[in-house]
Every structure is written in structure tokens, then in C-alpha cells.
Amino acid sequence: MGPAVEAALRRHRTVSIAALAVLTLLAWIWLFVGAGMGMDPLVSLAPAGHGEASMPGMGMEGMMQPVSAWTAARFWLTFSMWWIMMVAMMLPSAAPTILLYARAAAHGQGGATRPASESFLAGYLAAWGVFSLVATVLQMVLEQTGLLAPMAMASESSRLSGAILLAAGAYQLSPLKNVCLRHCRNPAQFLSRHYRPGSSGALRMGLLHGTWCVGCCWLLMALLFVGGVMNLAWIALLTLMVAAEKILPFGRAISIVLGLGCIAWGAVLLAG
């Protein structure tokens, strides 16, 4: 490969890293300013629900309309909140695979990687978009059944919180979790098995990789119903846990310890 192509690859990698960093930063800023929900996000490691009547920092805009009213506008706003939250939480740990794909595509296309790289990212985020839609529906159902505090967006029931923790912990220890985590932890192996050229191939690969990531982390994301969907402390903690599982050499051990911790906490809540 000639010097010109190598220089193009270096430029593209720099641009890709900068783009992912900016996208992640913008997503976090959106969460910090309330994600358009008319309230200030909570920052606390303590669970936000269990009978709390309100959320600190509730803005006047949020007080003007009953929070329990699930209009179409509120549904799609909540969906956008979840999806942008997934961008903030998942892009840091997905970056190695996205960057490796960009380099592999560059070698196959003589440096013309931008459309394919964007398609891969679009496919990855689409998978989390589907998850965000499901999470939004679940949030609506839990709130309408009285199990979720509407302002704190967190479980009102210690039994529900305990059940979510037990389910998340059990899944962390399961073979399916291990299979999904193995795919997320081995981007080179994933790309060698599933590589497809062109933008459509990149979109398919991104969607497939995103699906494995959803399979790896979906019950960890459900823990936000325990800590509070807009609790920045829990969002940051889960982001670090997901990144540690996927990137660090002893990621599977972290996954197991986290699972055991969730089971123990869930058992305490259910026994209380």
C-alpha cells in the first residue's frame, strides 16, 4: 500500500475518532441538560424511586402538564431520550470495532471509506434504536400500572427492583451473555467472519454487531428502572461497567462479579 493511501488512512482514523468523540460528547451534554424532558437529571447512586413523590429540579414546563399523560409527543420524546442515552453509553465501548472496521474497509476500497464507515455506525445505532423503542414502551406500561414513579422515572416497588436485579444478575452469569460478550470483545474475529463490502454490507454488519451488543447489555440497561432512567450517576456507572466488560482483559470476570452483586442486592430487596 502506497504512502498516499497510508496517509489517507491515518487522516480517516483521526477524523473517525474525532467524530465518535464529538457524537458521544453531544449525547452526554443532551443528557446533562435534561434530554428535553423539562427536568434536571438526578445525580445519585441511591435508587431514585421506592415511593419518592418527585424528582429534584423538576422544571415548570414539566409541572404544567401531568407527567402521567402519555401523549404521542411525550412517547417520542422519551424514545429520543433513550436512544440518545444509548449513544452516550455504548459508543465508547463500540469505538474499537467501528475504527477497526473503518481500517478494514479502507484497505478494501483504497482509502474511500467514509460512506461505508457511516453505514456501519448507522446500522449499529439502529439496533439500539429498536431497543430504545422497546424500553420506551416498557417505561410507559410500568408507569401506567403504578410501578414506576413518573417524575423520578424509577421503580416505586422494592419487589420490582429486586426482580430486575435478580434477572440482570442471572443473565450476567448465563451462557447467552457469555456468547454475546465474546462477540463484542473480539472485533477482529467478528469482522473476519461477517465482512461485506460496500455501504449495504457495512449497514448489515453494523446492525449485526449492534444486535450482539444489545444481547450483551439489555438487562444491564434495565437497571436504569431501579436507579432512575435520568440518574446520571447510574448512567455513568453502567457506561463504565459495559466498557470494562468489553475492553479490559478480565472483562468476563467483571461481568460475573457484577452479576453476583446484582443477585445479592436483589435478594435483599425481595427479602425486606
Protein backbone atom coordinates (compact mmCIF):
# COMPACT_ATOMS: atom_id res chain seq x y z
CA MET A 1 0.00 0.00 0.00
CA GLY A 2 1.45 3.35 -1.07
CA PRO A 3 2.33 6.33 1.15
CA ALA A 4 -0.66 8.33 -0.16
CA VAL A 5 -3.11 5.62 0.87
CA GLU A 6 -1.42 5.21 4.26
CA ALA A 7 -1.69 8.96 4.82
CA ALA A 8 -5.37 8.81 3.84
CA LEU A 9 -5.90 6.00 6.34
CA ARG A 10 -4.29 8.00 9.14
CA ARG A 11 -6.41 11.04 8.30
CA HIS A 12 -9.56 8.95 8.18
CA ARG A 13 -8.78 7.32 11.53
CA THR A 14 -8.19 10.74 13.10
CA VAL A 15 -11.44 12.06 11.65
CA SER A 16 -13.33 8.93 12.77
CA ILE A 17 -12.03 9.19 16.35
CA ALA A 18 -12.92 12.88 16.47
CA ALA A 19 -16.41 12.23 15.05
CA LEU A 20 -17.14 9.47 17.58
CA ALA A 21 -15.84 11.63 20.43
CA VAL A 22 -17.97 14.60 19.36
CA LEU A 23 -21.07 12.44 18.91
CA THR A 24 -20.58 10.91 22.36
CA LEU A 25 -19.92 14.31 23.95
CA LEU A 26 -23.05 15.82 22.38
CA ALA A 27 -25.13 12.91 23.65
CA TRP A 28 -23.81 13.40 27.20
CA ILE A 29 -24.43 17.16 27.03
CA TRP A 30 -28.02 16.46 25.96
CA LEU A 31 -28.46 14.21 29.00
CA PHE A 32 -26.91 16.82 31.32
CA VAL A 33 -29.38 19.47 30.17
CA GLY A 34 -32.33 17.14 30.76
CA ALA A 35 -32.80 15.48 27.34
CA GLY A 36 -35.73 17.76 26.61
CA MET A 37 -37.78 16.24 29.44
CA GLY A 38 -38.33 19.53 31.29
CA MET A 39 -36.43 18.39 34.40
CA ASP A 40 -32.92 18.38 35.78
CA PRO A 41 -31.32 14.92 35.82
CA LEU A 42 -30.66 13.27 39.17
CA VAL A 43 -27.08 12.50 40.24
CA SER A 44 -27.17 9.88 42.99
CA LEU A 45 -26.04 6.29 43.40
CA ALA A 46 -29.07 5.62 45.62
CA PRO A 47 -32.15 4.19 43.85
CA ALA A 48 -34.41 7.07 42.84
CA GLY A 49 -37.86 5.51 43.28
CA HIS A 50 -39.44 3.41 46.04
CA GLY A 51 -42.14 5.90 46.90
CA GLU A 52 -40.42 9.21 46.15
CA ALA A 53 -43.03 11.64 45.00
CA SER A 54 -40.92 13.89 42.87
CA MET A 55 -37.57 14.42 41.30
CA PRO A 56 -35.31 17.27 42.39
CA GLY A 57 -35.04 20.01 39.81
CA MET A 58 -38.40 19.40 38.17
CA GLY A 59 -38.86 22.35 35.85
CA MET A 60 -42.02 24.43 35.47
CA GLU A 61 -42.54 23.06 31.98
CA GLY A 62 -42.74 19.55 33.40
CA MET A 63 -45.10 20.69 36.18
CA MET A 64 -47.58 22.31 33.80
CA GLN A 65 -48.72 19.01 32.28
CA PRO A 66 -49.38 15.80 34.27
CA VAL A 67 -46.36 13.58 33.87
CA SER A 68 -48.61 10.51 33.63
CA ALA A 69 -50.21 11.75 30.39
CA TRP A 70 -48.63 9.66 27.64
CA THR A 71 -49.28 11.75 24.55
CA ALA A 72 -47.67 10.91 21.21
CA ALA A 73 -45.28 13.82 21.72
CA ARG A 74 -44.18 12.51 25.12
CA PHE A 75 -43.76 8.97 23.75
CA TRP A 76 -41.39 10.10 21.00
CA LEU A 77 -39.56 12.46 23.34
CA THR A 78 -39.00 9.57 25.75
CA PHE A 79 -37.88 7.38 22.85
CA SER A 80 -35.36 10.03 21.77
CA MET A 81 -34.12 10.27 25.36
CA TRP A 82 -33.48 6.51 25.46
CA TRP A 83 -31.83 6.43 22.05
CA ILE A 84 -29.51 9.37 22.74
CA MET A 85 -28.72 7.81 26.11
CA MET A 86 -27.68 4.60 24.33
CA VAL A 87 -25.41 6.65 22.05
CA ALA A 88 -23.76 8.19 25.12
CA MET A 89 -23.39 4.86 26.90
CA MET A 90 -22.49 2.46 24.09
CA LEU A 91 -20.31 4.38 21.62
CA PRO A 92 -17.23 4.42 23.89
CA SER A 93 -17.14 0.63 24.11
CA ALA A 94 -18.13 0.17 20.43
CA ALA A 95 -15.44 2.55 19.15
CA PRO A 96 -12.70 -0.13 18.77
CA THR A 97 -14.92 -2.20 16.44
CA ILE A 98 -16.06 0.84 14.44
CA LEU A 99 -12.48 2.05 13.98
CA LEU A 100 -11.22 -1.40 13.07
CA TYR A 101 -13.99 -1.72 10.50
CA ALA A 102 -13.04 1.68 9.05
CA ARG A 103 -9.46 0.50 8.57
CA ALA A 104 -10.54 -2.83 7.06
CA ALA A 105 -12.87 -1.01 4.67
CA ALA A 106 -10.08 1.38 3.73
CA HIS A 107 -7.81 -1.48 2.72
CA GLY A 108 -10.59 -2.92 0.60
CA GLN A 109 -11.57 0.37 -1.06
CA GLY A 110 -8.25 2.15 -1.49
CA GLY A 111 -8.96 4.71 1.21
CA ALA A 112 -12.55 5.57 0.17
CA THR A 113 -14.11 4.52 3.48
CA ARG A 114 -16.37 7.34 4.59
CA PRO A 115 -19.75 6.12 3.24
CA ALA A 116 -19.13 2.55 4.42
CA SER A 117 -18.00 3.67 7.88
CA GLU A 118 -21.07 5.86 8.29
CA SER A 119 -23.28 2.99 7.20
CA PHE A 120 -21.69 0.69 9.77
CA LEU A 121 -22.32 3.26 12.50
CA ALA A 122 -25.90 3.79 11.28
CA GLY A 123 -26.57 0.04 11.47
CA TYR A 124 -25.11 -0.17 14.96
CA LEU A 125 -27.22 2.73 16.23
CA ALA A 126 -30.32 1.32 14.51
CA ALA A 127 -30.06 -1.82 16.65
CA TRP A 128 -30.03 0.35 19.78
CA GLY A 129 -32.90 2.35 18.32
CA VAL A 130 -35.03 -0.80 18.34
CA PHE A 131 -34.01 -1.43 21.95
CA SER A 132 -34.90 2.18 22.82
CA LEU A 133 -38.36 1.74 21.32
CA VAL A 134 -38.96 -1.37 23.45
CA ALA A 135 -37.62 0.42 26.55
CA THR A 136 -39.98 3.34 25.92
CA VAL A 137 -42.99 1.05 25.65
CA LEU A 138 -41.94 -0.74 28.84
CA GLN A 139 -41.49 2.56 30.67
CA MET A 140 -44.97 3.64 29.60
CA VAL A 141 -46.55 0.36 30.73
CA LEU A 142 -44.76 0.36 34.10
CA GLU A 143 -45.74 3.96 34.75
CA GLN A 144 -49.38 3.41 33.82
CA THR A 145 -49.58 0.38 36.12
CA GLY A 146 -48.19 2.45 39.01
CA LEU A 147 -44.92 0.54 39.29
CA LEU A 148 -42.76 3.40 38.04
CA ALA A 149 -42.55 6.86 39.61
CA PRO A 150 -43.27 9.23 36.70
CA MET A 151 -41.07 12.11 37.84
CA ALA A 152 -38.09 10.05 39.03
CA MET A 153 -38.64 7.52 36.22
CA ALA A 154 -37.65 4.79 38.67
CA SER A 155 -39.28 1.77 40.27
CA GLU A 156 -41.81 2.51 43.03
CA SER A 157 -41.71 -1.12 44.16
CA SER A 158 -38.88 -2.83 46.01
CA ARG A 159 -40.21 -6.12 44.62
CA LEU A 160 -39.95 -4.87 41.05
CA SER A 161 -36.46 -3.52 41.73
CA GLY A 162 -35.45 -6.81 43.32
CA ALA A 163 -36.83 -8.80 40.39
CA ILE A 164 -34.96 -6.63 37.86
CA LEU A 165 -31.72 -7.00 39.82
CA LEU A 166 -32.13 -10.78 40.09
CA ALA A 167 -32.91 -11.08 36.37
CA ALA A 168 -29.94 -8.90 35.43
CA GLY A 169 -27.64 -10.84 37.74
CA ALA A 170 -28.78 -14.22 36.45
CA TYR A 171 -28.33 -13.07 32.86
CA GLN A 172 -24.81 -11.86 33.62
CA LEU A 173 -23.91 -15.43 34.59
CA SER A 174 -25.73 -17.09 31.69
CA PRO A 175 -24.16 -18.78 28.63
CA LEU A 176 -26.07 -16.43 26.31
CA LYS A 177 -24.47 -13.41 27.97
CA ASN A 178 -21.07 -15.03 27.55
CA VAL A 179 -21.66 -15.68 23.84
CA CYS A 180 -22.78 -12.09 23.20
CA LEU A 181 -19.91 -10.67 25.25
CA ARG A 182 -17.41 -12.82 23.35
CA HIS A 183 -18.59 -11.31 20.05
CA CYS A 184 -18.31 -7.78 21.46
CA ARG A 185 -14.83 -8.44 22.89
CA ASN A 186 -13.38 -9.78 19.63
CA PRO A 187 -13.95 -7.17 16.89
CA ALA A 188 -11.29 -8.64 14.57
CA GLN A 189 -12.91 -12.05 14.71
CA PHE A 190 -16.35 -10.54 14.15
CA LEU A 191 -15.17 -8.58 11.11
CA SER A 192 -13.33 -11.55 9.59
CA ARG A 193 -16.47 -13.69 9.83
CA HIS A 194 -19.07 -11.18 8.70
CA TYR A 195 -17.25 -8.69 6.47
CA ARG A 196 -19.30 -7.47 3.50
CA PRO A 197 -18.13 -4.78 1.06
CA GLY A 198 -19.98 -1.58 0.24
CA SER A 199 -22.41 0.59 2.14
CA SER A 200 -25.17 -2.03 2.26
CA GLY A 201 -22.72 -4.61 3.60
CA ALA A 202 -21.49 -2.11 6.18
CA LEU A 203 -25.07 -1.35 7.27
CA ARG A 204 -25.76 -5.06 7.68
CA MET A 205 -22.57 -5.59 9.67
CA GLY A 206 -23.27 -2.60 11.91
CA LEU A 207 -26.80 -3.86 12.56
CA LEU A 208 -25.49 -7.33 13.37
CA HIS A 209 -22.79 -6.03 15.70
CA GLY A 210 -25.31 -3.75 17.37
CA THR A 211 -27.64 -6.71 17.87
CA TRP A 212 -24.89 -8.65 19.63
CA CYS A 213 -24.25 -5.61 21.83
CA VAL A 214 -27.94 -5.33 22.68
CA GLY A 215 -27.93 -9.02 23.56
CA CYS A 216 -24.93 -8.42 25.79
CA CYS A 217 -26.24 -5.37 27.68
CA TRP A 218 -30.04 -5.16 27.51
CA LEU A 219 -30.67 -6.29 31.09
CA LEU A 220 -27.92 -4.05 32.40
CA MET A 221 -29.78 -1.17 30.77
CA ALA A 222 -32.95 -2.32 32.57
CA LEU A 223 -31.18 -1.45 35.83
CA LEU A 224 -31.94 2.18 34.96
CA PHE A 225 -35.51 1.43 36.06
CA VAL A 226 -34.04 0.73 39.51
CA GLY A 227 -31.68 3.71 39.76
CA GLY A 228 -33.71 6.17 37.70
CA VAL A 229 -33.78 6.48 33.93
CA MET A 230 -32.37 10.02 34.10
CA ASN A 231 -30.00 9.36 37.00
CA LEU A 232 -26.64 10.46 35.61
CA ALA A 233 -24.69 8.62 38.32
CA TRP A 234 -26.26 5.30 37.30
CA ILE A 235 -25.86 6.09 33.59
CA ALA A 236 -22.15 6.83 34.09
CA LEU A 237 -21.63 3.75 36.29
CA LEU A 238 -23.30 1.43 33.78
CA THR A 239 -21.29 3.01 30.96
CA LEU A 240 -18.07 2.19 32.83
CA MET A 241 -19.24 -1.35 33.61
CA VAL A 242 -20.14 -2.02 29.97
CA ALA A 243 -16.80 -0.64 28.75
CA ALA A 244 -14.90 -2.70 31.33
CA GLU A 245 -16.70 -5.89 30.29
CA LYS A 246 -15.95 -5.35 26.62
CA ILE A 247 -12.47 -3.84 26.64
CA LEU A 248 -10.47 -4.94 29.70
CA PRO A 249 -8.60 -8.29 29.56
CA PHE A 250 -10.57 -9.65 32.54
CA GLY A 251 -13.92 -8.42 31.25
CA ARG A 252 -15.73 -11.72 31.76
CA ALA A 253 -14.68 -11.77 35.41
CA ILE A 254 -16.08 -8.27 35.82
CA SER A 255 -19.31 -9.48 34.25
CA ILE A 256 -19.56 -12.35 36.74
CA VAL A 257 -18.79 -10.18 39.77
CA LEU A 258 -21.39 -7.66 38.62
CA GLY A 259 -23.92 -10.45 38.21
CA LEU A 260 -23.29 -11.81 41.69
CA GLY A 261 -23.62 -8.32 43.14
CA CYS A 262 -26.97 -7.79 41.40
CA ILE A 263 -28.26 -11.14 42.66
CA ALA A 264 -27.23 -10.35 46.24
CA TRP A 265 -28.82 -6.88 46.14
CA GLY A 266 -31.98 -8.20 44.53
CA ALA A 267 -32.30 -10.94 47.16
CA VAL A 268 -32.00 -8.34 49.94
CA LEU A 269 -34.75 -6.20 48.39
CA LEU A 270 -37.08 -9.15 47.94
CA ALA A 271 -36.46 -10.40 51.48
CA GLY A 272 -37.04 -6.95 53.02
